[in-house]
C-alpha atoms as a PDB file:
ATOM      1  CA  UNK A   1      49.432 -14.576 -45.903  1.00  0.00           C
ATOM      2  CA  UNK A   2      50.493 -11.289 -44.703  1.00  0.00           C
ATOM      3  CA  UNK A   3      51.811 -10.000 -41.440  1.00  0.00           C
ATOM      4  CA  UNK A   4      51.114  -6.814 -40.162  1.00  0.00           C
ATOM      5  CA  UNK A   5      50.971  -4.675 -37.036  1.00  0.00           C
ATOM      6  CA  UNK A   6      47.764  -4.251 -35.400  1.00  0.00           C
ATOM      7  CA  UNK A   7      46.168  -2.652 -32.365  1.00  0.00           C
ATOM      8  CA  UNK A   8      45.842  -4.654 -29.310  1.00  0.00           C
ATOM      9  CA  UNK A   9      42.166  -4.316 -29.396  1.00  0.00           C
ATOM     10  CA  UNK A  10      42.448  -6.416 -32.508  1.00  0.00           C
ATOM     11  CA  UNK A  11      43.911  -9.512 -30.504  1.00  0.00           C
ATOM     12  CA  UNK A  12      40.925  -9.795 -28.397  1.00  0.00           C
ATOM     13  CA  UNK A  13      38.686 -11.940 -30.283  1.00  0.00           C
ATOM     14  CA  UNK A  14      41.075 -14.449 -31.148  1.00  0.00           C
ATOM     15  CA  UNK A  15      42.918 -14.289 -27.882  1.00  0.00           C
ATOM     16  CA  UNK A  16      39.136 -15.172 -26.277  1.00  0.00           C
ATOM     17  CA  UNK A  17      38.071 -17.588 -29.055  1.00  0.00           C
ATOM     18  CA  UNK A  18      41.393 -19.611 -29.117  1.00  0.00           C
ATOM     19  CA  UNK A  19      42.805 -19.562 -25.791  1.00  0.00           C
ATOM     20  CA  UNK A  20      40.249 -18.721 -22.794  1.00  0.00           C
ATOM     21  CA  UNK A  21      36.639 -19.456 -24.057  1.00  0.00           C
ATOM     22  CA  UNK A  22      35.257 -20.185 -20.998  1.00  0.00           C
ATOM     23  CA  UNK A  23      36.508 -16.911 -19.609  1.00  0.00           C
ATOM     24  CA  UNK A  24      34.830 -13.411 -19.669  1.00  0.00           C
ATOM     25  CA  UNK A  25      35.748 -11.614 -22.412  1.00  0.00           C
ATOM     26  CA  UNK A  26      37.732  -9.122 -20.352  1.00  0.00           C
ATOM     27  CA  UNK A  27      39.770 -12.027 -19.194  1.00  0.00           C
ATOM     28  CA  UNK A  28      42.169 -11.425 -22.272  1.00  0.00           C
ATOM     29  CA  UNK A  29      42.464  -7.786 -22.304  1.00  0.00           C
ATOM     30  CA  UNK A  30      45.989  -7.195 -20.383  1.00  0.00           C
ATOM     31  CA  UNK A  31      47.164  -4.268 -18.523  1.00  0.00           C
ATOM     32  CA  UNK A  32      50.177  -4.066 -20.419  1.00  0.00           C
ATOM     33  CA  UNK A  33      48.381  -4.277 -24.063  1.00  0.00           C
ATOM     34  CA  UNK A  34      48.931  -0.476 -24.459  1.00  0.00           C
ATOM     35  CA  UNK A  35      52.428  -0.658 -24.300  1.00  0.00           C
ATOM     36  CA  UNK A  36      53.156  -3.810 -26.556  1.00  0.00           C
ATOM     37  CA  UNK A  37      53.692  -4.258 -29.947  1.00  0.00           C
ATOM     38  CA  UNK A  38      51.039  -6.470 -31.581  1.00  0.00           C
ATOM     39  CA  UNK A  39      51.262  -8.556 -35.030  1.00  0.00           C
ATOM     40  CA  UNK A  40      48.529 -10.492 -37.202  1.00  0.00           C
ATOM     41  CA  UNK A  41      48.562 -12.691 -39.817  1.00  0.00           C
ATOM     42  CA  UNK A  42      46.032 -11.677 -42.450  1.00  0.00           C
ATOM     43  CA  UNK A  43      44.640 -14.642 -45.089  1.00  0.00           C
ATOM     44  CA  UNK A  44      43.376 -11.813 -47.413  1.00  0.00           C
ATOM     45  CA  UNK A  45      41.349  -9.145 -45.337  1.00  0.00           C
ATOM     46  CA  UNK A  46      40.731 -11.759 -42.391  1.00  0.00           C
ATOM     47  CA  UNK A  47      42.892 -11.535 -39.522  1.00  0.00           C
ATOM     48  CA  UNK A  48      43.597 -15.442 -38.423  1.00  0.00           C
ATOM     49  CA  UNK A  49      46.845 -15.244 -35.951  1.00  0.00           C
ATOM     50  CA  UNK A  50      48.206 -12.777 -33.595  1.00  0.00           C
ATOM     51  CA  UNK A  51      50.771 -12.349 -31.236  1.00  0.00           C
ATOM     52  CA  UNK A  52      51.702  -9.159 -28.774  1.00  0.00           C
ATOM     53  CA  UNK A  53      55.344  -8.662 -27.795  1.00  0.00           C
ATOM     54  CA  UNK A  54      56.417  -6.794 -24.556  1.00  0.00           C
ATOM     55  CA  UNK A  55      59.893  -5.550 -24.555  1.00  0.00           C
ATOM     56  CA  UNK A  56      61.873  -4.379 -21.130  1.00  0.00           C
ATOM     57  CA  UNK A  57      65.546  -3.348 -21.408  1.00  0.00           C
ATOM     58  CA  UNK A  58      66.847  -6.345 -23.426  1.00  0.00           C
ATOM     59  CA  UNK A  59      64.050  -8.982 -22.967  1.00  0.00           C
ATOM     60  CA  UNK A  60      61.084  -9.761 -24.817  1.00  0.00           C
ATOM     61  CA  UNK A  61      58.297 -11.358 -23.600  1.00  0.00           C
ATOM     62  CA  UNK A  62      55.928 -12.293 -26.379  1.00  0.00           C
ATOM     63  CA  UNK A  63      52.227 -13.417 -25.128  1.00  0.00           C
ATOM     64  CA  UNK A  64      48.813 -14.774 -26.530  1.00  0.00           C
ATOM     65  CA  UNK A  65      50.380 -16.384 -29.649  1.00  0.00           C
ATOM     66  CA  UNK A  66      47.261 -17.721 -31.067  1.00  0.00           C
ATOM     67  CA  UNK A  67      45.657 -19.135 -34.495  1.00  0.00           C
ATOM     68  CA  UNK A  68      42.138 -19.742 -35.533  1.00  0.00           C
ATOM     69  CA  UNK A  69      41.291 -23.451 -35.329  1.00  0.00           C
ATOM     70  CA  UNK A  70      40.194 -23.301 -39.235  1.00  0.00           C
ATOM     71  CA  UNK A  71      43.959 -22.132 -39.565  1.00  0.00           C
ATOM     72  CA  UNK A  72      46.127 -24.228 -37.428  1.00  0.00           C
ATOM     73  CA  UNK A  73      48.304 -26.971 -38.687  1.00  0.00           C
ATOM     74  CA  UNK A  74      49.361 -24.550 -41.575  1.00  0.00           C
ATOM     75  CA  UNK A  75      52.383 -22.818 -40.506  1.00  0.00           C
ATOM     76  CA  UNK A  76      50.881 -19.959 -39.501  1.00  0.00           C
ATOM     77  CA  UNK A  77      52.073 -19.583 -35.945  1.00  0.00           C
ATOM     78  CA  UNK A  78      55.340 -20.666 -36.968  1.00  0.00           C
ATOM     79  CA  UNK A  79      55.829 -17.533 -39.645  1.00  0.00           C
ATOM     80  CA  UNK A  80      54.467 -15.341 -36.628  1.00  0.00           C
ATOM     81  CA  UNK A  81      57.090 -16.499 -34.414  1.00  0.00           C
ATOM     82  CA  UNK A  82      59.752 -16.528 -37.044  1.00  0.00           C
ATOM     83  CA  UNK A  83      58.604 -12.859 -37.366  1.00  0.00           C
ATOM     84  CA  UNK A  84      59.004 -11.766 -34.159  1.00  0.00           C
ATOM     85  CA  UNK A  85      62.166 -13.829 -33.192  1.00  0.00           C
ATOM     86  CA  UNK A  86      63.857 -11.582 -36.191  1.00  0.00           C
ATOM     87  CA  UNK A  87      62.199  -8.591 -34.797  1.00  0.00           C
ATOM     88  CA  UNK A  88      64.238  -9.422 -31.467  1.00  0.00           C
ATOM     89  CA  UNK A  89      67.139  -9.985 -33.372  1.00  0.00           C
ATOM     90  CA  UNK A  90      67.298  -7.087 -35.399  1.00  0.00           C
ATOM     91  CA  UNK A  91      66.572  -4.829 -32.176  1.00  0.00           C
ATOM     92  CA  UNK A  92      69.403  -6.234 -30.479  1.00  0.00           C
ATOM     93  CA  UNK A  93      67.576  -7.894 -27.859  1.00  0.00           C
ATOM     94  CA  UNK A  94      69.549 -10.603 -25.424  1.00  0.00           C
ATOM     95  CA  UNK A  95      66.696 -12.553 -24.524  1.00  0.00           C
ATOM     96  CA  UNK A  96      63.050 -13.715 -25.880  1.00  0.00           C
ATOM     97  CA  UNK A  97      60.537 -15.721 -23.475  1.00  0.00           C
ATOM     98  CA  UNK A  98      57.095 -16.836 -23.008  1.00  0.00           C
ATOM     99  CA  UNK A  99      54.571 -18.715 -20.858  1.00  0.00           C
ATOM    100  CA  UNK A 100      54.296 -21.662 -22.953  1.00  0.00           C
ATOM    101  CA  UNK A 101      51.057 -24.042 -22.494  1.00  0.00           C
ATOM    102  CA  UNK A 102      52.483 -27.453 -21.278  1.00  0.00           C
ATOM    103  CA  UNK A 103      50.689 -29.080 -24.290  1.00  0.00           C
ATOM    104  CA  UNK A 104      52.429 -26.799 -27.048  1.00  0.00           C
ATOM    105  CA  UNK A 105      56.248 -26.604 -25.536  1.00  0.00           C
ATOM    106  CA  UNK A 106      57.454 -29.028 -28.398  1.00  0.00           C
ATOM    107  CA  UNK A 107      56.210 -26.302 -30.697  1.00  0.00           C
ATOM    108  CA  UNK A 108      58.608 -23.742 -29.131  1.00  0.00           C
ATOM    109  CA  UNK A 109      61.345 -26.248 -28.732  1.00  0.00           C
ATOM    110  CA  UNK A 110      61.478 -26.384 -32.810  1.00  0.00           C
ATOM    111  CA  UNK A 111      62.550 -22.805 -32.754  1.00  0.00           C
ATOM    112  CA  UNK A 112      65.544 -23.519 -29.946  1.00  0.00           C
ATOM    113  CA  UNK A 113      63.497 -22.393 -27.136  1.00  0.00           C
ATOM    114  CA  UNK A 114      64.577 -24.174 -24.009  1.00  0.00           C
ATOM    115  CA  UNK A 115      62.370 -24.881 -21.035  1.00  0.00           C
ATOM    116  CA  UNK A 116      63.917 -22.656 -17.551  1.00  0.00           C
ATOM    117  CA  UNK A 117      62.644 -25.110 -15.270  1.00  0.00           C
ATOM    118  CA  UNK A 118      59.771 -22.742 -13.852  1.00  0.00           C
ATOM    119  CA  UNK A 119      56.230 -23.759 -14.315  1.00  0.00           C
ATOM    120  CA  UNK A 120      52.767 -22.569 -12.792  1.00  0.00           C
ATOM    121  CA  UNK A 121      49.016 -22.657 -13.015  1.00  0.00           C
ATOM    122  CA  UNK A 122      46.780 -20.316 -14.372  1.00  0.00           C
ATOM    123  CA  UNK A 123      42.747 -21.006 -14.494  1.00  0.00           C
ATOM    124  CA  UNK A 124      43.668 -25.061 -14.412  1.00  0.00           C
ATOM    125  CA  UNK A 125      45.925 -24.537 -17.540  1.00  0.00           C
ATOM    126  CA  UNK A 126      49.556 -25.566 -16.540  1.00  0.00           C
ATOM    127  CA  UNK A 127      52.583 -23.408 -18.336  1.00  0.00           C
ATOM    128  CA  UNK A 128      55.819 -23.718 -18.741  1.00  0.00           C
ATOM    129  CA  UNK A 129      58.286 -20.418 -18.944  1.00  0.00           C
ATOM    130  CA  UNK A 130      60.411 -21.363 -22.004  1.00  0.00           C
ATOM    131  CA  UNK A 131      63.112 -18.722 -23.366  1.00  0.00           C
ATOM    132  CA  UNK A 132      65.426 -18.029 -26.464  1.00  0.00           C
ATOM    133  CA  UNK A 133      68.974 -16.292 -25.685  1.00  0.00           C
ATOM    134  CA  UNK A 134      71.061 -14.175 -28.223  1.00  0.00           C
ATOM    135  CA  UNK A 135      74.615 -13.709 -27.705  1.00  0.00           C
END
């Protein structure tokens, strides 16, 4: 498995397939994609997991962390999350946060992320805002 920087457009297929298959393809294309950093995990030549990061000031939001179904439960998303946490630390960022699907909160908690208490619903899916603070 190898992590590489990728183009925003390379994330869209996995975003759609894993996160929002019932929505139109355009639903997973973010306005801010062109200003983000995007990373993918490759199994040989196949892109199997993706994440997009958006830095504003001393904070980074990561979005759309997704892994193809056949590659889930193999530690690939953990590898990718560790990569972006290290990136944020190396850039001297103070805060990393995400909108976590409520059924995935425990995954993020394993990395020291905590719930902020803020929640919302998008297209029938409940989300909790979670963060990791560097001091």
